[in-house]
Amino acid sequence: MKVSNNVNLHLLNKSLDGLWLRQQTTMENIANYTTPGYKSKVVDFENILKSNIKNAKGKSTSEVKEQILSGNIVVKENDNQSMRLDGNNVDLEKENLQLAKTQIQYMYTISEINSYFSKLKSVISEGKK
């Protein structure tokens, strides 16, 4: 089995990309909390990945891999109305919660990748005995 053809590994890698961008975007929102007229941004990649995987159902491993890799990570401006007079719609509490959630998801995803490679290493080292 080639490591580069592992669908789960590609999915985890794409998730890391999305989580990294979400973290950067959330920090940008927090940094612009006092900027008049600033509209917060949101990152969506889970729905795109879910849709692409659903479209790849029943297809070959390479086609599933291509569906995962083809999913674009989308950054959209949040169109929620602002309750502030300056037109800024950043909800600082919500952004801080999003940042904490994203960091936990990122650490969990890294842990899953590390676990995969630990198992692979174990299989390889046991095979040499």
Protein backbone atom coordinates (compact mmCIF):
# COMPACT_ATOMS: atom_id res chain seq x y z
CA MET A 1 0.00 0.00 0.00
CA LYS A 2 1.31 3.42 -0.90
CA VAL A 3 1.08 6.04 1.82
CA SER A 4 0.34 8.67 -0.82
CA ASN A 5 -2.84 6.81 -1.85
CA ASN A 6 -4.36 6.66 1.63
CA VAL A 7 -7.74 8.40 1.43
CA ASN A 8 -7.97 9.02 5.19
CA LEU A 9 -4.58 10.68 5.20
CA HIS A 10 -5.62 13.00 2.35
CA LEU A 11 -8.84 13.81 4.19
CA LEU A 12 -6.94 14.64 7.39
CA ASN A 13 -4.47 16.75 5.43
CA LYS A 14 -7.25 18.72 3.72
CA SER A 15 -8.92 19.19 7.11
CA LEU A 16 -5.68 20.62 8.50
CA ASP A 17 -5.58 23.11 5.62
CA GLY A 18 -9.14 24.21 6.37
CA LEU A 19 -8.57 24.43 10.11
CA TRP A 20 -5.38 26.43 9.62
CA LEU A 21 -7.19 28.93 7.39
CA ARG A 22 -10.11 29.12 9.85
CA GLN A 23 -7.70 29.87 12.67
CA GLN A 24 -6.01 32.62 10.65
CA THR A 25 -9.37 34.09 9.62
CA THR A 26 -10.70 34.03 13.18
CA MET A 27 -7.58 35.79 14.46
CA GLU A 28 -8.02 38.39 11.71
CA ASN A 29 -11.61 38.93 12.85
CA ILE A 30 -10.46 39.38 16.45
CA ALA A 31 -7.72 41.80 15.38
CA ASN A 32 -10.30 43.90 13.52
CA TYR A 33 -12.79 44.04 16.39
CA THR A 34 -12.36 47.81 16.69
CA THR A 35 -12.18 48.55 12.95
CA PRO A 36 -15.25 50.56 11.90
CA GLY A 37 -17.23 48.91 9.12
CA TYR A 38 -15.26 45.66 9.23
CA LYS A 39 -17.29 42.58 8.33
CA SER A 40 -16.18 39.32 9.89
CA LYS A 41 -15.29 36.36 7.71
CA VAL A 42 -16.09 32.66 8.04
CA VAL A 43 -14.33 29.62 6.59
CA ASP A 44 -16.31 26.71 5.21
CA PHE A 45 -14.61 23.52 4.16
CA GLU A 46 -16.50 20.74 5.99
CA ASN A 47 -19.61 21.03 3.82
CA ILE A 48 -17.52 21.07 0.66
CA LEU A 49 -15.55 18.00 1.76
CA LYS A 50 -18.75 16.21 2.76
CA SER A 51 -20.32 16.94 -0.62
CA ASN A 52 -17.22 15.85 -2.54
CA ILE A 53 -16.97 12.60 -0.59
CA LYS A 54 -20.66 11.94 -1.18
CA ASN A 55 -20.09 12.48 -4.92
CA ALA A 56 -17.19 10.00 -4.83
CA LYS A 57 -19.23 7.21 -3.27
CA GLY A 58 -18.63 3.95 -5.10
CA LYS A 59 -15.67 5.28 -7.06
CA SER A 60 -12.08 4.09 -7.05
CA THR A 61 -9.57 5.17 -4.40
CA SER A 62 -7.81 7.50 -6.80
CA GLU A 63 -11.11 9.15 -7.76
CA VAL A 64 -12.02 9.62 -4.10
CA LYS A 65 -8.58 11.13 -3.49
CA GLU A 66 -9.11 13.54 -6.40
CA GLN A 67 -12.53 14.54 -5.01
CA ILE A 68 -10.96 15.31 -1.63
CA LEU A 69 -8.11 17.31 -3.13
CA SER A 70 -10.40 19.21 -5.50
CA GLY A 71 -12.48 20.67 -2.67
CA ASN A 72 -11.78 24.38 -2.34
CA ILE A 73 -11.74 26.03 1.04
CA VAL A 74 -14.07 29.01 0.93
CA VAL A 75 -13.70 32.22 2.95
CA LYS A 76 -16.92 34.21 2.97
CA GLU A 77 -17.82 37.55 4.44
CA ASN A 78 -20.30 37.17 7.26
CA ASP A 79 -23.44 39.09 6.31
CA ASN A 80 -24.89 39.21 9.84
CA GLN A 81 -26.24 42.61 10.72
CA SER A 82 -24.20 44.67 13.12
CA MET A 83 -25.67 45.82 16.40
CA ARG A 84 -22.90 48.40 16.67
CA LEU A 85 -23.10 51.95 15.41
CA ASP A 86 -19.77 51.68 13.58
CA GLY A 87 -21.07 48.85 11.33
CA ASN A 88 -18.56 46.27 12.60
CA ASN A 89 -20.22 42.86 13.04
CA VAL A 90 -17.45 41.00 14.91
CA ASP A 91 -18.81 39.18 17.97
CA LEU A 92 -15.70 38.91 20.13
CA GLU A 93 -17.09 36.18 22.38
CA LYS A 94 -18.15 34.06 19.40
CA GLU A 95 -14.75 34.54 17.72
CA ASN A 96 -12.86 33.50 20.85
CA LEU A 97 -15.01 30.38 21.17
CA GLN A 98 -14.44 29.61 17.48
CA LEU A 99 -10.69 30.02 17.95
CA ALA A 100 -10.64 27.60 20.92
CA LYS A 101 -12.79 25.06 19.03
CA THR A 102 -10.56 25.28 15.96
CA GLN A 103 -7.41 24.81 18.01
CA ILE A 104 -8.86 21.68 19.63
CA GLN A 105 -9.91 20.30 16.23
CA TYR A 106 -6.46 21.06 14.83
CA MET A 107 -4.70 19.28 17.72
CA TYR A 108 -7.04 16.28 17.36
CA THR A 109 -6.36 16.06 13.62
CA ILE A 110 -2.60 16.22 14.21
CA SER A 111 -3.01 13.46 16.80
CA GLU A 112 -4.86 11.30 14.25
CA ILE A 113 -2.08 11.78 11.69
CA ASN A 114 0.56 10.94 14.31
CA SER A 115 -1.39 7.83 15.28
CA TYR A 116 -1.56 6.72 11.64
CA PHE A 117 2.20 7.05 11.20
CA SER A 118 2.89 5.36 14.55
CA LYS A 119 0.84 2.37 13.44
CA LEU A 120 2.59 2.34 10.09
CA LYS A 121 5.98 2.49 11.80
CA SER A 122 4.96 -0.37 14.09
CA VAL A 123 3.89 -2.51 11.14
CA ILE A 124 7.15 -1.81 9.33
CA SER A 125 9.34 -2.50 12.37
CA GLU A 126 7.46 -5.70 13.22
CA GLY A 127 7.90 -6.86 9.64
CA LYS A 128 11.67 -6.61 9.98
CA LYS A 129 11.81 -9.07 12.89
